[in-house]
């Protein structure tokens, strides 16, 4: 899924995915949870989301990491909205609850695969 922000009257695609998360984590030794305590981390996260969005749309990105404070000044609300949408899904509630139980270790996965409980 790609979202968009507008900076200086130009629409830019942003995408949060494996590429942007990996670059953010590896190059800045940070996790998404670190955003709560270090606002400066929004700059590289936005930059990598913009890079991945441009790649996804087969475009080149005409912004640099150094531009991110200015982009955030103009687009922080748009980026926050776009960022939150990356975590929205259309998973039915019963499936979501089962997934949450599995993630918490409170449920057993069933299935027909070779690793399924028999």
N, C-alpha and C. Protein backbone atom coordinates (compact mmCIF):
# COMPACT_ATOMS: atom_id res chain seq x y z
N UNK A 1 0.84 -1.16 0.00
CA UNK A 1 0.00 0.00 0.00
C UNK A 1 0.89 1.24 0.00
N UNK A 2 0.57 2.19 -0.81
CA UNK A 2 1.29 3.44 -0.90
C UNK A 2 0.36 4.56 -0.45
N UNK A 3 0.91 5.47 0.34
CA UNK A 3 0.20 6.68 0.75
C UNK A 3 0.93 7.86 0.12
N UNK A 4 0.37 9.04 0.25
CA UNK A 4 0.98 10.22 -0.37
C UNK A 4 1.01 11.39 0.60
N UNK A 5 2.07 12.17 0.49
CA UNK A 5 2.16 13.45 1.19
C UNK A 5 2.42 14.50 0.13
N UNK A 6 2.10 15.75 0.43
CA UNK A 6 2.35 16.85 -0.49
C UNK A 6 3.33 17.81 0.16
N UNK A 7 4.43 18.05 -0.55
CA UNK A 7 5.47 18.96 -0.07
C UNK A 7 5.78 19.94 -1.18
N UNK A 8 5.70 21.21 -0.88
CA UNK A 8 5.92 22.27 -1.87
C UNK A 8 5.09 22.03 -3.13
N UNK A 9 3.83 21.70 -2.91
CA UNK A 9 2.84 21.51 -3.97
C UNK A 9 3.13 20.30 -4.87
N UNK A 10 4.01 19.41 -4.43
CA UNK A 10 4.30 18.20 -5.20
C UNK A 10 3.89 16.99 -4.36
N UNK A 11 3.23 16.05 -5.01
CA UNK A 11 2.75 14.85 -4.35
C UNK A 11 3.85 13.79 -4.36
N UNK A 12 4.18 13.26 -3.18
CA UNK A 12 5.23 12.24 -3.05
C UNK A 12 4.63 10.95 -2.48
N UNK A 13 4.95 9.81 -3.11
CA UNK A 13 4.50 8.54 -2.54
C UNK A 13 5.36 8.16 -1.34
N UNK A 14 4.73 7.62 -0.31
CA UNK A 14 5.45 7.08 0.84
C UNK A 14 4.97 5.66 1.07
N UNK A 15 5.92 4.81 1.42
CA UNK A 15 5.59 3.39 1.65
C UNK A 15 6.45 2.88 2.80
N UNK A 16 5.79 2.28 3.77
CA UNK A 16 6.48 1.63 4.87
C UNK A 16 6.50 0.14 4.56
N UNK A 17 7.69 -0.41 4.42
CA UNK A 17 7.81 -1.82 4.10
C UNK A 17 9.17 -2.33 4.53
N UNK A 18 9.52 -3.50 4.05
CA UNK A 18 10.77 -4.14 4.43
C UNK A 18 11.99 -3.26 4.15
N UNK A 19 12.02 -2.65 2.97
CA UNK A 19 13.16 -1.80 2.61
C UNK A 19 13.32 -0.64 3.59
N UNK A 20 12.23 0.11 3.80
CA UNK A 20 12.33 1.30 4.65
C UNK A 20 12.59 0.92 6.10
N UNK A 21 11.97 -0.12 6.60
CA UNK A 21 12.21 -0.54 7.99
C UNK A 21 13.63 -1.03 8.18
N UNK A 22 14.11 -1.84 7.24
CA UNK A 22 15.47 -2.37 7.37
C UNK A 22 16.50 -1.24 7.35
N UNK A 23 16.37 -0.32 6.42
CA UNK A 23 17.31 0.80 6.35
C UNK A 23 17.25 1.63 7.62
N UNK A 24 16.04 1.93 8.10
CA UNK A 24 15.86 2.70 9.33
C UNK A 24 16.53 2.00 10.50
N UNK A 25 16.28 0.72 10.66
CA UNK A 25 16.82 -0.02 11.80
C UNK A 25 18.33 -0.20 11.70
N UNK A 26 18.83 -0.57 10.53
CA UNK A 26 20.26 -0.85 10.38
C UNK A 26 21.11 0.41 10.40
N UNK A 27 20.69 1.43 9.70
CA UNK A 27 21.53 2.63 9.57
C UNK A 27 21.42 3.57 10.77
N UNK A 28 20.38 3.41 11.56
CA UNK A 28 20.21 4.31 12.70
C UNK A 28 20.11 3.56 14.02
N UNK A 29 20.33 2.25 13.96
CA UNK A 29 20.29 1.41 15.16
C UNK A 29 19.05 1.74 15.99
N UNK A 30 17.89 1.74 15.34
CA UNK A 30 16.65 2.16 15.99
C UNK A 30 15.52 1.20 15.62
N UNK A 31 14.51 1.21 16.45
CA UNK A 31 13.27 0.48 16.22
C UNK A 31 12.13 1.50 16.15
N UNK A 32 10.99 1.10 15.62
CA UNK A 32 9.86 2.02 15.54
C UNK A 32 9.46 2.53 16.93
N UNK A 33 9.58 1.70 17.93
CA UNK A 33 9.22 2.11 19.29
C UNK A 33 10.08 3.28 19.77
N UNK A 34 11.27 3.43 19.23
CA UNK A 34 12.16 4.53 19.63
C UNK A 34 11.62 5.90 19.22
N UNK A 35 10.65 5.93 18.30
CA UNK A 35 10.07 7.21 17.87
C UNK A 35 9.39 7.93 19.04
N UNK A 36 8.93 7.16 20.03
CA UNK A 36 8.25 7.77 21.18
C UNK A 36 9.20 8.63 22.01
N UNK A 37 10.47 8.28 22.01
CA UNK A 37 11.42 9.00 22.88
C UNK A 37 12.45 9.82 22.11
N UNK A 38 12.48 9.70 20.78
CA UNK A 38 13.47 10.42 20.00
C UNK A 38 12.82 10.95 18.72
N UNK A 39 12.36 12.17 18.78
CA UNK A 39 11.65 12.77 17.64
C UNK A 39 12.54 12.92 16.41
N UNK A 40 13.85 12.99 16.59
CA UNK A 40 14.76 13.13 15.45
C UNK A 40 14.72 11.91 14.53
N UNK A 41 14.24 10.78 15.03
CA UNK A 41 14.18 9.57 14.22
C UNK A 41 13.10 9.63 13.14
N UNK A 42 12.18 10.58 13.26
CA UNK A 42 11.17 10.73 12.20
C UNK A 42 11.81 11.11 10.87
N UNK A 43 12.92 11.84 10.93
CA UNK A 43 13.58 12.28 9.70
C UNK A 43 14.06 11.10 8.85
N UNK A 44 14.87 10.17 9.40
CA UNK A 44 15.29 9.05 8.56
C UNK A 44 14.14 8.12 8.19
N UNK A 45 13.18 7.96 9.10
CA UNK A 45 12.05 7.09 8.77
C UNK A 45 11.29 7.65 7.58
N UNK A 46 10.99 8.94 7.60
CA UNK A 46 10.31 9.56 6.47
C UNK A 46 11.14 9.43 5.20
N UNK A 47 12.43 9.66 5.29
CA UNK A 47 13.29 9.59 4.12
C UNK A 47 13.24 8.19 3.48
N UNK A 48 13.35 7.15 4.30
CA UNK A 48 13.33 5.79 3.75
C UNK A 48 11.94 5.42 3.23
N UNK A 49 10.89 5.93 3.86
CA UNK A 49 9.54 5.70 3.34
C UNK A 49 9.34 6.41 2.00
N UNK A 50 9.91 7.60 1.87
CA UNK A 50 9.86 8.31 0.58
C UNK A 50 10.66 7.56 -0.48
N UNK A 51 11.84 7.06 -0.11
CA UNK A 51 12.65 6.31 -1.07
C UNK A 51 11.92 5.05 -1.52
N UNK A 52 11.31 4.33 -0.57
CA UNK A 52 10.60 3.12 -0.96
C UNK A 52 9.36 3.45 -1.78
N UNK A 53 8.68 4.54 -1.45
CA UNK A 53 7.52 4.96 -2.24
C UNK A 53 7.91 5.30 -3.66
N UNK A 54 9.03 6.00 -3.82
CA UNK A 54 9.50 6.35 -5.16
C UNK A 54 9.87 5.09 -5.94
N UNK A 55 10.55 4.17 -5.29
CA UNK A 55 10.92 2.90 -5.95
C UNK A 55 9.67 2.15 -6.39
N UNK A 56 8.69 2.09 -5.50
CA UNK A 56 7.44 1.37 -5.78
C UNK A 56 6.70 1.97 -6.97
N UNK A 57 6.76 3.30 -7.10
CA UNK A 57 6.07 4.00 -8.19
C UNK A 57 6.97 4.20 -9.41
N UNK A 58 8.16 3.60 -9.40
CA UNK A 58 9.14 3.75 -10.49
C UNK A 58 9.47 5.21 -10.76
N UNK A 59 9.70 5.95 -9.68
CA UNK A 59 10.06 7.36 -9.78
C UNK A 59 11.42 7.56 -9.14
N UNK A 60 12.01 8.70 -9.39
CA UNK A 60 13.22 9.08 -8.66
C UNK A 60 12.81 10.07 -7.58
N UNK A 61 13.56 10.06 -6.49
CA UNK A 61 13.28 10.97 -5.39
C UNK A 61 14.19 12.18 -5.50
N UNK A 62 13.60 13.35 -5.53
CA UNK A 62 14.38 14.58 -5.67
C UNK A 62 14.63 15.26 -4.31
N UNK A 63 14.53 14.50 -3.24
CA UNK A 63 14.79 15.01 -1.90
C UNK A 63 15.96 14.23 -1.29
N UNK A 64 16.66 14.87 -0.36
CA UNK A 64 17.78 14.24 0.34
C UNK A 64 17.44 14.16 1.82
N UNK A 65 18.22 13.39 2.56
CA UNK A 65 18.03 13.27 4.00
C UNK A 65 18.04 14.65 4.66
N UNK A 66 18.88 15.55 4.17
CA UNK A 66 18.99 16.88 4.74
C UNK A 66 17.71 17.70 4.60
N UNK A 67 16.84 17.31 3.67
CA UNK A 67 15.58 18.01 3.46
C UNK A 67 14.49 17.60 4.45
N UNK A 68 14.68 16.51 5.17
CA UNK A 68 13.61 15.94 5.98
C UNK A 68 13.08 16.85 7.08
N UNK A 69 13.91 17.65 7.77
CA UNK A 69 13.31 18.56 8.75
C UNK A 69 12.31 19.53 8.12
N UNK A 70 12.62 20.04 6.94
CA UNK A 70 11.70 20.95 6.26
C UNK A 70 10.45 20.22 5.78
N UNK A 71 10.64 19.01 5.28
CA UNK A 71 9.49 18.22 4.82
C UNK A 71 8.57 17.94 6.01
N UNK A 72 9.15 17.56 7.14
CA UNK A 72 8.33 17.28 8.32
C UNK A 72 7.62 18.53 8.83
N UNK A 73 8.29 19.68 8.75
CA UNK A 73 7.64 20.91 9.17
C UNK A 73 6.36 21.16 8.38
N UNK A 74 6.40 20.84 7.12
CA UNK A 74 5.24 21.08 6.26
C UNK A 74 4.26 19.90 6.25
N UNK A 75 4.76 18.69 6.47
CA UNK A 75 3.94 17.50 6.23
C UNK A 75 3.78 16.57 7.42
N UNK A 76 4.10 17.00 8.61
CA UNK A 76 4.07 16.08 9.76
C UNK A 76 2.70 15.44 9.94
N UNK A 77 1.64 16.21 9.84
CA UNK A 77 0.30 15.65 10.01
C UNK A 77 0.00 14.65 8.90
N UNK A 78 0.31 15.00 7.67
CA UNK A 78 0.08 14.09 6.54
C UNK A 78 0.89 12.80 6.70
N UNK A 79 2.14 12.93 7.11
CA UNK A 79 2.97 11.75 7.30
C UNK A 79 2.45 10.90 8.45
N UNK A 80 2.01 11.52 9.52
CA UNK A 80 1.46 10.76 10.65
C UNK A 80 0.23 9.98 10.24
N UNK A 81 -0.63 10.60 9.45
CA UNK A 81 -1.83 9.91 8.96
C UNK A 81 -1.44 8.76 8.04
N UNK A 82 -0.53 9.04 7.10
CA UNK A 82 -0.08 8.00 6.18
C UNK A 82 0.57 6.85 6.94
N UNK A 83 1.41 7.19 7.91
CA UNK A 83 2.12 6.19 8.70
C UNK A 83 1.13 5.28 9.43
N UNK A 84 0.09 5.86 10.02
CA UNK A 84 -0.88 5.05 10.76
C UNK A 84 -1.65 4.11 9.83
N UNK A 85 -1.86 4.52 8.58
CA UNK A 85 -2.59 3.68 7.63
C UNK A 85 -1.83 2.41 7.25
N UNK A 86 -0.50 2.43 7.41
CA UNK A 86 0.27 1.24 7.10
C UNK A 86 -0.05 0.10 8.04
N UNK A 87 -0.63 0.43 9.19
CA UNK A 87 -0.92 -0.60 10.18
C UNK A 87 -2.39 -1.00 10.19
N UNK A 88 -3.19 -0.38 9.34
CA UNK A 88 -4.59 -0.75 9.21
C UNK A 88 -4.69 -1.95 8.28
N UNK A 89 -5.58 -2.84 8.60
CA UNK A 89 -5.79 -4.00 7.74
C UNK A 89 -7.27 -4.30 7.65
N UNK A 90 -7.62 -5.11 6.70
CA UNK A 90 -9.00 -5.54 6.53
C UNK A 90 -9.19 -6.96 7.04
N UNK A 91 -8.45 -7.34 8.06
CA UNK A 91 -8.55 -8.69 8.62
C UNK A 91 -9.83 -8.78 9.43
N UNK A 92 -10.64 -9.81 9.20
CA UNK A 92 -11.86 -9.98 9.99
C UNK A 92 -11.53 -10.09 11.48
N UNK A 93 -12.44 -9.61 12.32
CA UNK A 93 -12.19 -9.53 13.76
C UNK A 93 -11.84 -10.88 14.37
N UNK A 94 -12.53 -11.96 13.98
CA UNK A 94 -12.23 -13.27 14.57
C UNK A 94 -10.82 -13.74 14.22
N UNK A 95 -10.38 -13.48 13.00
CA UNK A 95 -9.03 -13.85 12.59
C UNK A 95 -8.01 -12.97 13.32
N UNK A 96 -8.31 -11.68 13.46
CA UNK A 96 -7.43 -10.76 14.18
C UNK A 96 -7.23 -11.24 15.62
N UNK A 97 -8.31 -11.66 16.28
CA UNK A 97 -8.22 -12.14 17.67
C UNK A 97 -7.37 -13.40 17.75
N UNK A 98 -7.53 -14.31 16.79
CA UNK A 98 -6.71 -15.52 16.78
C UNK A 98 -5.23 -15.17 16.59
N UNK A 99 -4.95 -14.22 15.69
CA UNK A 99 -3.58 -13.81 15.45
C UNK A 99 -2.97 -13.18 16.71
N UNK A 100 -3.76 -12.37 17.42
CA UNK A 100 -3.28 -11.74 18.64
C UNK A 100 -2.98 -12.79 19.70
N UNK A 101 -3.83 -13.82 19.82
CA UNK A 101 -3.58 -14.91 20.77
C UNK A 101 -2.28 -15.63 20.44
N UNK A 102 -2.08 -15.90 19.15
CA UNK A 102 -0.85 -16.57 18.74
C UNK A 102 0.37 -15.71 19.03
N UNK A 103 0.26 -14.42 18.78
CA UNK A 103 1.37 -13.51 19.03
C UNK A 103 1.71 -13.43 20.52
N UNK A 104 0.69 -13.58 21.36
CA UNK A 104 0.89 -13.54 22.80
C UNK A 104 1.30 -14.89 23.35
N UNK A 105 1.28 -15.92 22.50
CA UNK A 105 1.61 -17.27 22.96
C UNK A 105 0.45 -17.96 23.64
N UNK A 106 -0.75 -17.43 23.47
CA UNK A 106 -1.91 -17.97 24.17
C UNK A 106 -2.76 -18.89 23.33
N UNK A 107 -2.32 -19.26 22.17
CA UNK A 107 -3.13 -20.13 21.32
C UNK A 107 -2.25 -21.07 20.55
N UNK A 108 -2.86 -22.10 19.99
CA UNK A 108 -2.11 -23.04 19.18
C UNK A 108 -2.56 -22.92 17.75
N UNK A 109 -1.60 -22.95 16.87
CA UNK A 109 -1.90 -22.86 15.46
C UNK A 109 -2.37 -24.23 14.97
N UNK A 110 -3.39 -24.23 14.16
CA UNK A 110 -3.87 -25.48 13.58
C UNK A 110 -3.69 -25.42 12.08
N UNK A 111 -3.66 -26.57 11.47
CA UNK A 111 -3.53 -26.58 10.02
C UNK A 111 -3.20 -27.97 9.55
N UNK A 112 -2.92 -28.10 8.26
CA UNK A 112 -2.65 -29.41 7.69
C UNK A 112 -1.21 -29.57 7.29
N UNK A 113 -0.40 -28.54 7.48
CA UNK A 113 0.99 -28.61 7.09
C UNK A 113 1.78 -29.57 7.97
N UNK A 114 3.02 -29.84 7.59
CA UNK A 114 3.85 -30.81 8.29
C UNK A 114 4.18 -30.35 9.72
N UNK A 115 4.08 -29.09 10.00
CA UNK A 115 4.40 -28.59 11.34
C UNK A 115 3.14 -28.44 12.20
N UNK A 116 1.99 -28.74 11.64
CA UNK A 116 0.76 -28.60 12.41
C UNK A 116 0.70 -29.65 13.50
N UNK A 117 0.04 -29.29 14.63
CA UNK A 117 -0.12 -30.22 15.74
C UNK A 117 -1.04 -31.34 15.30
N UNK A 118 -0.64 -32.55 15.55
CA UNK A 118 -1.44 -33.71 15.12
C UNK A 118 -2.02 -34.41 16.31
